[in-house]
Structures are given as C-alpha cells and as structure tokens.
Amino acid sequence: MALSPSAFELTGRFAVVTGAARGIGAAVAEAFARFGADVAVCDRDADGLARTAEAVRAAGRRAVVGVLDVRDGDAVRAWVEPFDRVDVLVNNAGGGFRAAFADVTDKGQDALVRENFTSVTHFVRACLPKMTGGGSIVNVTSIEAHRAAPGFAVYSAMKAAVANLSMSLALELGDRRIRVNCIAPDVIPTPGIGDVPVRTPLPYAGHADDVAAAAVFLASDASRFVTGTTLHVDGGNRAAAGWCRGPGGEWVTGGEPVGP
C-alpha cells in the first residue's frame, strides 16, 4: 500500500475530544476540523468551549458542544448516547496540583484519580458501543508517566496507569479494529499553566499544535498499524533523562559539566 497525503485526512470522521476549551484539547479539536473531521468537544469551561466550537465551524466542520464534568460518569454517558458513531476519541482532560504526597488529603487524591484516570475509563466505555466500524483512541498522558514526579506523585501515578491501561486496551480491542495509543507531552505552555520555561535538547519551545500534530497522525490511517504505544512529544526530554545544556552550550547532568 503506497502512502499518500490522503492517509492523513480525517474527512467524514466524527471525533470526540475532552478538555477542549483551551490548550492542547482546543488545538487538537481545531486540527481535526482542518483535516476534515466533525468534532464533539466537552469541558467545564463554557466560554472557552464556545471559542473552540467557533474555530471548528470556521474550518467548515460540525461542532457538538457538551459543558460537563468528565469525572461524572452519568454526565459522560448522557452526552455520548445520542451520537450515531464515534471514529476517534481523544482523552485529553486532566489536571493536577503541586503538593508533597504526605500532604494530599483523601479528597484531593480522589479528585486526582477521578480527573486523570476515571474520566478516561468513563469515556472509553461510553464510546466503545459507538465504534462499531473500528477507530482510534488517543489518551494524552505526560512525560511524568515515565519518570518520578516529586510534588505530583498521585498525578504521575494516574498518568502511568492510563499508559498501562492503553496497552491492555490495545490488545483487548484489536480484533475490533480499534487502536489505542498515548501521547506523552512535557510541559506545553498553555493558558492553564502560563508560560513555563522548559529546557529541551531542541533549541525551541513546544506548542499545543505539536501535540495536535501527533493526534492527527494517531487518528488517521497513516498510523493504521500503530497500537499499544506512546508517542513522546517532549522535545527529547525523556531521552535526555536529566541531561541539559549549560550556559556555554555544554552538556551537564546533576548540575555538573560532563566531558572535556
């Protein structure tokens, strides 16, 4: 099968994107629309969601809007139920807060689990009956799923849980022609976290559109043989594993120069 530009098109597909009011979720929804998909978007932020839906419609595609809490399974099921079909599901909603593990309350831990893990299971179970023709599930995790995260221990653990769940689902759903993959960004500057400096081996910062590009690939036929894996969109930081460039451009680790 010869690869052609049409393999990346999403024309005629119906995609669901969670946490789509801003940042990565909004970028993914808008990119899907530009590549031809109709998009259902949800979030708790009604104003931001309206802006995303306007951008989807400006690209000539249909937008379905749901103002809801992804942690609420009943709300998720009620919103998804009217959909005739779902071709692509992007579980992007999530969030965390900085706190030492010992200082996280039961309520705080429950919120982290429900927002970062349970929300994913809610949407997967709700959308599976709609994916009768196969499809693609893309779970947005984090670089923190693949390394320690002091101050974000529960958040990191839940992102790792989603990565592991995705591998299991890739096996369970493969015979239904449903592919399941993850995207693991490092910090991407968004309105939600501000302009946080992130040093990477690349001489430029990442953008939400970089994550959206990965989502388009995983949603499209160009990735038809890709399932059960994680695409790292982090500027090389997972590979760097603590290495970074010092003030003079030299590689350093643990704060000390290495090499001649």
Protein backbone atom coordinates (compact mmCIF):
# COMPACT_ATOMS: atom_id res chain seq x y z
CA MET A 1 0.00 0.00 0.00
CA ALA A 2 1.64 3.22 -1.16
CA LEU A 3 1.45 6.08 1.34
CA SER A 4 -0.24 9.22 0.08
CA PRO A 5 -1.20 12.56 1.65
CA SER A 6 -4.79 11.36 1.86
CA ALA A 7 -3.75 8.87 4.56
CA PHE A 8 -3.59 11.78 7.00
CA GLU A 9 -7.06 13.09 6.17
CA LEU A 10 -9.91 12.71 8.64
CA THR A 11 -12.69 13.56 6.21
CA GLY A 12 -16.04 12.09 7.15
CA ARG A 13 -14.96 11.06 10.65
CA PHE A 14 -16.54 12.01 13.94
CA ALA A 15 -14.13 12.73 16.78
CA VAL A 16 -14.67 13.31 20.49
CA VAL A 17 -12.14 15.50 22.31
CA THR A 18 -12.28 16.06 26.07
CA GLY A 19 -10.87 19.08 27.88
CA ALA A 20 -11.20 21.07 24.67
CA ALA A 21 -11.80 24.58 25.99
CA ARG A 22 -8.17 25.65 25.68
CA GLY A 23 -4.59 24.49 25.30
CA ILE A 24 -3.90 21.04 23.90
CA GLY A 25 -7.56 20.00 23.72
CA ALA A 26 -8.54 23.07 21.73
CA ALA A 27 -5.55 22.66 19.40
CA VAL A 28 -6.46 19.01 18.76
CA ALA A 29 -10.11 19.81 18.05
CA GLU A 30 -9.20 22.60 15.64
CA ALA A 31 -6.59 20.47 13.86
CA PHE A 32 -9.07 17.61 13.45
CA ALA A 33 -11.53 20.03 11.86
CA ARG A 34 -8.89 21.35 9.45
CA PHE A 35 -8.15 17.76 8.44
CA GLY A 36 -11.84 17.13 7.73
CA ALA A 37 -13.43 15.71 10.89
CA ASP A 38 -16.60 16.76 12.65
CA VAL A 39 -15.78 17.22 16.32
CA ALA A 40 -17.63 16.84 19.61
CA VAL A 41 -15.92 18.85 22.34
CA CYS A 42 -16.51 18.93 26.07
CA ASP A 43 -15.21 20.82 29.07
CA ARG A 44 -16.44 22.61 32.18
CA ASP A 45 -15.38 25.99 30.74
CA ALA A 46 -18.39 27.05 28.64
CA ASP A 47 -16.79 30.23 27.28
CA GLY A 48 -13.60 28.53 26.19
CA LEU A 49 -15.55 25.67 24.71
CA ALA A 50 -17.61 28.11 22.66
CA ARG A 51 -14.40 29.57 21.19
CA THR A 52 -13.17 26.11 20.23
CA ALA A 53 -16.50 25.24 18.63
CA GLU A 54 -16.41 28.50 16.66
CA ALA A 55 -12.96 27.58 15.32
CA VAL A 56 -14.19 24.12 14.32
CA ARG A 57 -17.13 25.63 12.45
CA ALA A 58 -14.87 28.23 10.82
CA ALA A 59 -12.98 25.28 9.32
CA GLY A 60 -16.24 24.18 7.73
CA ARG A 61 -16.95 21.27 10.06
CA ARG A 62 -19.74 20.47 12.52
CA ALA A 63 -19.14 21.05 16.23
CA VAL A 64 -21.10 19.36 19.02
CA VAL A 65 -20.65 21.02 22.41
CA GLY A 66 -21.02 19.49 25.86
CA VAL A 67 -20.48 21.51 29.03
CA LEU A 68 -19.87 18.77 31.57
CA ASP A 69 -17.56 17.36 34.23
CA VAL A 70 -15.62 14.40 32.81
CA ARG A 71 -15.45 12.90 36.31
CA ASP A 72 -19.23 12.41 36.27
CA GLY A 73 -19.93 9.07 34.60
CA ASP A 74 -23.66 9.72 34.24
CA ALA A 75 -23.00 13.05 32.52
CA VAL A 76 -20.49 11.46 30.16
CA ARG A 77 -22.85 8.64 29.18
CA ALA A 78 -25.79 11.02 28.69
CA TRP A 79 -23.74 13.25 26.38
CA VAL A 80 -22.30 10.44 24.27
CA GLU A 81 -25.51 8.39 23.97
CA PRO A 82 -27.11 10.42 21.09
CA PHE A 83 -24.02 10.09 18.86
CA ASP A 84 -24.60 7.81 15.88
CA ARG A 85 -20.97 6.75 15.86
CA VAL A 86 -17.53 7.69 17.16
CA ASP A 87 -14.44 7.22 14.99
CA VAL A 88 -11.87 8.93 17.19
CA LEU A 89 -11.74 9.54 20.94
CA VAL A 90 -9.11 11.82 22.46
CA ASN A 91 -9.00 11.73 26.26
CA ASN A 92 -7.20 14.98 26.96
CA ALA A 93 -8.94 16.28 30.10
CA GLY A 94 -6.85 16.13 33.26
CA GLY A 95 -5.00 18.22 35.75
CA GLY A 96 -3.09 18.30 38.99
CA PHE A 97 -1.64 20.42 41.76
CA ARG A 98 1.73 20.57 43.48
CA ALA A 99 1.82 19.02 46.94
CA ALA A 100 4.00 16.58 48.82
CA PHE A 101 2.37 13.15 48.82
CA ALA A 102 2.00 13.19 52.62
CA ASP A 103 0.08 16.46 52.41
CA VAL A 104 -2.52 15.27 49.86
CA THR A 105 -5.89 14.75 51.55
CA ASP A 106 -8.30 11.92 50.78
CA LYS A 107 -10.46 14.42 48.91
CA GLY A 108 -7.53 15.73 46.92
CA GLN A 109 -6.37 12.25 45.99
CA ASP A 110 -9.87 11.24 44.93
CA ALA A 111 -10.08 14.32 42.69
CA LEU A 112 -6.75 13.47 41.03
CA VAL A 113 -7.76 9.87 40.42
CA ARG A 114 -11.16 10.78 39.01
CA GLU A 115 -9.90 13.58 36.78
CA ASN A 116 -6.86 11.83 35.35
CA PHE A 117 -7.86 8.15 35.29
CA THR A 118 -11.56 7.58 35.92
CA SER A 119 -12.52 10.18 33.31
CA VAL A 120 -10.65 8.09 30.72
CA THR A 121 -12.48 4.90 31.67
CA HIS A 122 -15.82 6.74 31.59
CA PHE A 123 -15.26 7.93 28.02
CA VAL A 124 -13.81 4.69 26.72
CA ARG A 125 -16.76 2.67 28.00
CA ALA A 126 -19.27 5.25 26.74
CA CYS A 127 -17.74 5.46 23.26
CA LEU A 128 -16.95 1.80 22.59
CA PRO A 129 -20.53 0.89 21.57
CA LYS A 130 -20.34 3.73 19.02
CA MET A 131 -17.08 2.47 17.46
CA THR A 132 -18.62 -0.43 15.55
CA GLY A 133 -16.55 0.30 12.45
CA GLY A 134 -13.26 0.43 14.29
CA GLY A 135 -11.49 3.59 15.30
CA SER A 136 -8.71 5.24 17.24
CA ILE A 137 -8.47 6.07 20.94
CA VAL A 138 -5.77 8.57 21.87
CA ASN A 139 -5.03 9.13 25.56
CA VAL A 140 -2.99 12.21 26.45
CA THR A 141 -0.73 11.29 29.35
CA SER A 142 2.51 13.07 30.28
CA ILE A 143 6.25 12.66 30.46
CA GLU A 144 5.53 12.25 34.19
CA ALA A 145 4.04 8.84 33.41
CA HIS A 146 7.58 7.69 32.61
CA ARG A 147 9.64 9.24 35.40
CA ALA A 148 9.40 10.31 39.02
CA ALA A 149 7.40 13.45 39.75
CA PRO A 150 8.07 14.82 43.24
CA GLY A 151 5.22 17.07 44.25
CA PHE A 152 2.92 15.40 41.74
CA ALA A 153 3.12 11.76 42.87
CA VAL A 154 -0.56 10.87 42.52
CA TYR A 155 -0.94 12.75 39.22
CA SER A 156 2.11 10.95 37.85
CA ALA A 157 0.83 7.58 39.03
CA MET A 158 -2.52 8.14 37.31
CA LYS A 159 -0.84 9.09 34.03
CA ALA A 160 1.23 5.91 34.28
CA ALA A 161 -1.99 3.99 34.95
CA VAL A 162 -3.53 5.40 31.77
CA ALA A 163 -0.45 4.39 29.77
CA ASN A 164 -0.70 0.84 31.11
CA LEU A 165 -4.47 0.73 30.58
CA SER A 166 -3.92 1.82 26.98
CA MET A 167 -1.61 -1.13 26.31
CA SER A 168 -4.17 -3.56 27.73
CA LEU A 169 -6.98 -1.99 25.73
CA ALA A 170 -4.89 -2.18 22.56
CA LEU A 171 -4.85 -5.96 23.00
CA GLU A 172 -8.48 -6.31 24.07
CA LEU A 173 -9.84 -4.12 21.27
CA GLY A 174 -7.51 -5.03 18.42
CA ASP A 175 -9.88 -7.58 16.91
CA ARG A 176 -12.49 -4.82 16.73
CA ARG A 177 -10.09 -2.71 14.64
CA ILE A 178 -9.82 -0.17 17.44
CA ARG A 179 -6.31 1.16 18.01
CA VAL A 180 -5.32 2.60 21.39
CA ASN A 181 -2.27 4.82 21.86
CA CYS A 182 -0.94 7.57 24.10
CA ILE A 183 0.70 10.94 23.57
CA ALA A 184 3.08 11.97 26.35
CA PRO A 185 3.98 15.68 26.23
CA ASP A 186 6.32 17.51 28.54
CA VAL A 187 5.06 20.87 29.79
CA ILE A 188 3.42 22.76 26.93
CA PRO A 189 2.83 26.48 27.58
CA THR A 190 -0.95 26.97 27.70
CA PRO A 191 -3.33 29.47 29.33
CA GLY A 192 -3.89 26.91 32.09
CA ILE A 193 -0.27 26.80 33.31
CA GLY A 194 1.20 30.00 31.95
CA ASP A 195 4.48 30.47 30.11
CA VAL A 196 6.54 27.86 31.96
CA PRO A 197 10.13 27.60 30.69
CA VAL A 198 11.04 24.06 29.65
CA ARG A 199 14.58 23.23 28.63
CA THR A 200 14.85 20.59 25.92
CA PRO A 201 17.58 19.31 23.59
CA LEU A 202 15.83 21.26 20.82
CA PRO A 203 16.55 24.98 20.62
CA TYR A 204 12.88 25.99 20.70
CA ALA A 205 9.82 25.53 22.87
CA GLY A 206 6.96 23.15 22.24
CA HIS A 207 3.46 24.27 21.31
CA ALA A 208 -0.01 22.78 21.66
CA ASP A 209 -0.04 22.36 17.88
CA ASP A 210 2.89 19.94 18.19
CA VAL A 211 0.69 17.67 20.28
CA ALA A 212 -2.20 18.20 17.86
CA ALA A 213 0.03 17.03 15.00
CA ALA A 214 0.70 13.79 16.85
CA ALA A 215 -3.02 13.36 17.50
CA VAL A 216 -3.83 13.82 13.80
CA PHE A 217 -1.30 11.11 12.94
CA LEU A 218 -2.68 8.66 15.52
CA ALA A 219 -6.27 9.37 14.46
CA SER A 220 -5.56 8.87 10.76
CA ASP A 221 -4.96 5.88 8.51
CA ALA A 222 -1.28 6.86 8.40
CA SER A 223 -0.96 5.10 11.77
CA ARG A 224 -3.13 2.08 10.85
CA PHE A 225 -0.50 -0.37 12.20
CA VAL A 226 0.33 1.60 15.37
CA THR A 227 -1.35 0.50 18.60
CA GLY A 228 -0.43 0.00 22.23
CA THR A 229 2.36 2.54 22.19
CA THR A 230 3.20 6.02 23.45
CA LEU A 231 4.33 8.86 21.21
CA HIS A 232 6.57 11.19 23.21
CA VAL A 233 6.14 14.85 22.25
CA ASP A 234 8.63 16.37 24.66
CA GLY A 235 11.46 17.88 22.63
CA GLY A 236 13.70 14.96 23.58
CA ASN A 237 13.40 15.36 27.36
CA ARG A 238 12.63 11.70 28.07
CA ALA A 239 15.71 10.72 26.09
CA ALA A 240 17.74 13.39 27.90
CA ALA A 241 16.97 11.80 31.30
CA GLY A 242 18.39 14.70 33.30
CA TRP A 243 20.94 15.97 30.78
CA CYS A 244 20.64 19.60 29.69
CA ARG A 245 22.78 22.28 28.10
CA GLY A 246 24.66 24.60 30.40
CA PRO A 247 25.20 28.35 29.92
CA GLY A 248 28.06 27.74 27.49
CA GLY A 249 26.21 25.12 25.49
CA GLU A 250 27.99 22.22 27.19
CA TRP A 251 26.02 19.16 28.29
CA VAL A 252 25.58 18.91 32.06
CA THR A 253 23.86 16.47 34.38
CA GLY A 254 23.10 16.86 38.05
CA GLY A 255 24.28 20.44 37.75
CA GLU A 256 27.87 19.47 36.88
CA PRO A 257 29.61 19.72 33.47
CA VAL A 258 30.50 16.40 31.85
CA GLY A 259 33.21 15.82 29.30
CA PRO A 260 36.22 17.87 28.17
